Protein backbone atom coordinates (compact mmCIF):
# COMPACT_ATOMS: atom_id res chain seq x y z
CA MET A 1 257.06 -62.00 40.07
CA ARG A 2 257.80 -60.99 43.66
CA ARG A 3 254.07 -60.63 44.40
CA ARG A 4 253.48 -64.21 43.24
CA ARG A 5 256.17 -65.52 45.59
CA VAL A 6 254.62 -63.69 48.52
CA LEU A 7 251.17 -65.03 47.64
CA ALA A 8 252.56 -68.54 47.25
CA LEU A 9 254.23 -68.25 50.65
CA LEU A 10 251.03 -67.00 52.27
CA ALA A 11 248.98 -69.73 50.59
CA GLY A 12 251.07 -72.33 52.42
CA LEU A 13 250.41 -70.81 55.84
CA PRO A 14 247.36 -71.64 57.94
CA LEU A 15 244.64 -69.01 57.67
CA SER A 16 245.05 -67.82 61.26
CA ALA A 17 248.81 -67.40 60.81
CA SER A 18 248.46 -65.41 57.61
CA LEU A 19 245.79 -63.16 59.11
CA GLY A 20 247.69 -62.66 62.36
CA ALA A 21 249.92 -60.08 60.75
CA CYS A 22 246.95 -57.77 60.23
CA GLY A 23 245.80 -58.03 63.86
CA PHE A 24 243.18 -60.73 63.33
CA ARG A 25 242.80 -63.10 66.27
CA PRO A 26 240.27 -65.94 66.02
CA MET A 27 238.12 -65.99 69.16
CA TYR A 28 237.53 -69.74 69.10
CA ALA A 29 241.01 -70.92 68.10
CA ARG A 30 242.65 -73.23 70.59
CA LEU A 31 245.92 -72.16 72.09
CA THR A 32 249.16 -73.69 70.80
CA ASP A 33 249.15 -76.22 73.65
CA GLY A 34 245.61 -77.36 72.69
CA ALA A 35 243.89 -75.66 75.62
CA PRO A 36 240.67 -73.69 75.06
CA SER A 37 241.09 -69.99 74.28
CA PRO A 38 240.16 -67.41 76.95
CA VAL A 39 236.89 -66.71 75.13
CA GLN A 40 236.06 -70.43 75.01
CA ARG A 41 236.73 -70.74 78.74
CA GLU A 42 234.45 -67.79 79.50
CA LEU A 43 231.69 -69.20 77.30
CA ALA A 44 232.01 -72.56 79.04
CA ALA A 45 231.54 -70.81 82.42
CA ILE A 46 227.96 -69.82 81.48
CA THR A 47 224.93 -71.61 82.88
CA VAL A 48 221.92 -71.34 80.57
CA GLY A 49 218.68 -70.84 82.49
CA ILE A 50 215.43 -72.66 81.78
CA ILE A 51 213.56 -71.22 78.77
CA PRO A 52 209.81 -72.04 78.89
CA ASP A 53 207.85 -74.03 76.30
CA ARG A 54 209.09 -76.45 73.65
CA PRO A 55 210.72 -73.83 71.37
CA GLY A 56 212.56 -72.52 74.43
CA GLN A 57 213.82 -76.01 75.24
CA VAL A 58 215.16 -76.36 71.71
CA LEU A 59 216.92 -72.98 71.97
CA ARG A 60 218.40 -73.89 75.37
CA GLU A 61 219.79 -77.15 73.96
CA ALA A 62 221.34 -75.27 71.03
CA LEU A 63 222.91 -72.72 73.37
CA GLN A 64 224.27 -75.40 75.69
CA ALA A 65 225.82 -77.25 72.76
CA ARG A 66 227.66 -74.10 71.67
CA LEU A 67 228.65 -72.73 75.07
CA GLU A 68 229.56 -75.93 76.89
CA ARG A 69 231.70 -77.62 74.26
CA ASP A 70 234.86 -77.00 76.36
CA ALA A 71 233.20 -77.11 79.78
CA ALA A 72 235.23 -79.92 81.35
CA GLY A 73 236.55 -78.72 84.69
CA ILE A 74 235.51 -75.08 84.25
CA ALA A 75 233.60 -73.53 87.16
CA ARG A 76 230.35 -71.73 86.36
CA ARG A 77 230.58 -67.96 86.95
CA TYR A 78 227.75 -66.56 84.83
CA ASP A 79 224.00 -67.05 84.35
CA LEU A 80 222.35 -66.50 80.98
CA ALA A 81 218.62 -65.67 81.05
CA VAL A 82 216.76 -65.73 77.74
CA ALA A 83 213.21 -64.64 76.89
CA TYR A 84 212.23 -66.32 73.63
CA GLU A 85 209.18 -66.29 71.41
CA ILE A 86 208.23 -67.43 67.94
CA GLU A 87 205.47 -65.64 66.06
CA GLY A 88 203.77 -66.76 62.86
CA GLU A 89 202.38 -64.62 60.06
CA GLY A 90 200.50 -65.78 56.96
CA ILE A 91 202.38 -64.66 53.86
CA ALA A 92 200.74 -66.67 51.07
CA ILE A 93 196.98 -66.07 51.09
CA GLN A 94 194.86 -68.04 48.63
CA ARG A 95 191.72 -66.81 46.87
CA ASP A 96 189.54 -68.60 49.41
CA ASN A 97 191.32 -66.61 52.17
CA THR A 98 193.31 -69.58 53.47
CA THR A 99 197.00 -69.40 54.22
CA SER A 100 199.41 -71.69 52.39
CA ARG A 101 202.70 -70.36 53.78
CA ILE A 102 203.60 -69.00 57.21
CA ARG A 103 206.59 -66.85 58.08
CA LEU A 104 207.98 -67.70 61.52
CA THR A 105 210.00 -65.05 63.36
CA GLY A 106 211.98 -66.02 66.43
CA ARG A 107 213.05 -63.27 68.83
CA ALA A 108 215.22 -63.60 71.89
CA GLN A 109 216.26 -61.09 74.52
CA TRP A 110 219.14 -62.27 76.67
CA THR A 111 220.90 -61.05 79.78
CA LEU A 112 224.24 -62.26 81.13
CA ARG A 113 224.64 -61.92 84.90
CA ALA A 114 227.57 -62.62 87.15
CA GLN A 115 227.03 -65.18 89.90
CA ASP A 116 227.98 -62.64 92.56
CA ALA A 117 225.93 -61.35 95.48
CA GLN A 118 224.65 -58.37 93.46
CA ARG A 119 223.76 -60.51 90.39
CA SER A 120 225.48 -57.83 88.29
CA VAL A 121 224.29 -57.47 84.71
CA LEU A 122 227.36 -57.82 82.50
CA ALA A 123 225.82 -57.78 79.04
CA SER A 124 222.48 -58.01 77.26
CA GLY A 125 221.28 -58.16 73.72
CA THR A 126 218.76 -59.42 71.21
CA ALA A 127 218.77 -62.01 68.47
CA ARG A 128 216.29 -62.59 65.67
CA SER A 129 215.79 -65.14 62.92
CA VAL A 130 213.16 -65.69 60.23
CA ASP A 131 212.09 -68.88 58.45
CA ALA A 132 208.96 -70.07 56.68
CA VAL A 133 206.88 -73.22 56.45
CA ASN A 134 204.29 -74.40 53.95
CA VAL A 135 200.82 -75.25 55.26
CA LEU A 136 199.63 -78.54 53.79
CA ARG A 137 195.86 -79.07 54.01
CA GLU A 138 195.58 -82.88 53.85
CA GLN A 139 198.97 -83.81 55.26
CA TYR A 140 198.84 -82.70 58.87
CA PHE A 141 201.78 -84.86 59.94
CA ALA A 142 203.98 -83.35 57.21
CA ALA A 143 202.87 -79.85 58.20
CA ASP A 144 203.79 -80.54 61.84
CA LEU A 145 207.19 -81.89 60.80
CA GLY A 146 207.80 -78.85 58.60
CA ASN A 147 206.83 -76.48 61.42
CA GLU A 148 209.06 -78.29 63.91
CA ALA A 149 212.00 -78.26 61.48
CA ALA A 150 211.57 -74.52 60.85
CA GLN A 151 211.43 -73.81 64.59
CA ARG A 152 214.60 -75.89 65.10
CA ARG A 153 216.41 -73.93 62.36
CA ILE A 154 215.32 -70.66 63.95
CA ALA A 155 216.57 -71.82 67.36
CA GLN A 156 219.94 -72.81 65.86
CA GLN A 157 220.33 -69.42 64.17
CA VAL A 158 219.29 -67.49 67.29
CA ALA A 159 221.68 -69.57 69.42
CA GLU A 160 224.51 -68.83 67.00
CA GLN A 161 223.79 -65.08 67.17
CA ILE A 162 223.70 -65.10 70.97
CA THR A 163 226.93 -67.11 71.13
CA LEU A 164 228.68 -64.68 68.79
CA GLN A 165 227.47 -61.68 70.81
CA LEU A 166 228.70 -63.28 74.03
CA ALA A 167 232.05 -64.19 72.44
CA ALA A 168 232.46 -60.60 71.22
CA TYR A 169 231.70 -59.34 74.75
CA PHE A 170 234.30 -61.63 76.32
CA SER A 171 236.81 -60.81 73.60
CA ARG A 172 236.42 -57.07 74.28
CA GLN A 173 236.87 -57.71 78.02
CA ALA A 174 240.10 -59.61 77.42
CA THR A 175 241.52 -57.06 74.95
CA PRO A 176 243.36 -54.20 76.64
CA ARG A 177 241.97 -50.82 75.65
CA PRO A 178 244.35 -48.20 74.25
CA ALA A 179 245.18 -45.35 76.64
């Protein structure tokens, strides 16, 4: 009976409050006064460099949308450089040796640098995502739309991975280490 009361009490609390007792701190949660969290402020201080080609532009837009959502009035202190490529591989080969499905793999290598005189490297990492698209023989427009949609999904997933890696880096920097 006592366990049910405790569970009922915890069910009424917000998730972040109930998990706070175990040491969980959400990285993206706003502060009690509504201000962005320290991690959000650090993410908003990142300038995303130009990424070549159309898939790179899509990835850059996705990164900017995630990093700059709380950028109002925050000075830029970091530069993010990303090398990005998408490769295709035929995975459904027909009897006449034509491909009917292509697996697309997006890979990104990123480097976060401080905007200081030394251009100090603060963090680096990789991100990867896989998607697939059907190859339609007579419907070229539909095939192009399918390919573009798959590349956009890959860019969104890669941007999410990079954002999470950056947030984890900033969270570790803000957390005091035990002596």
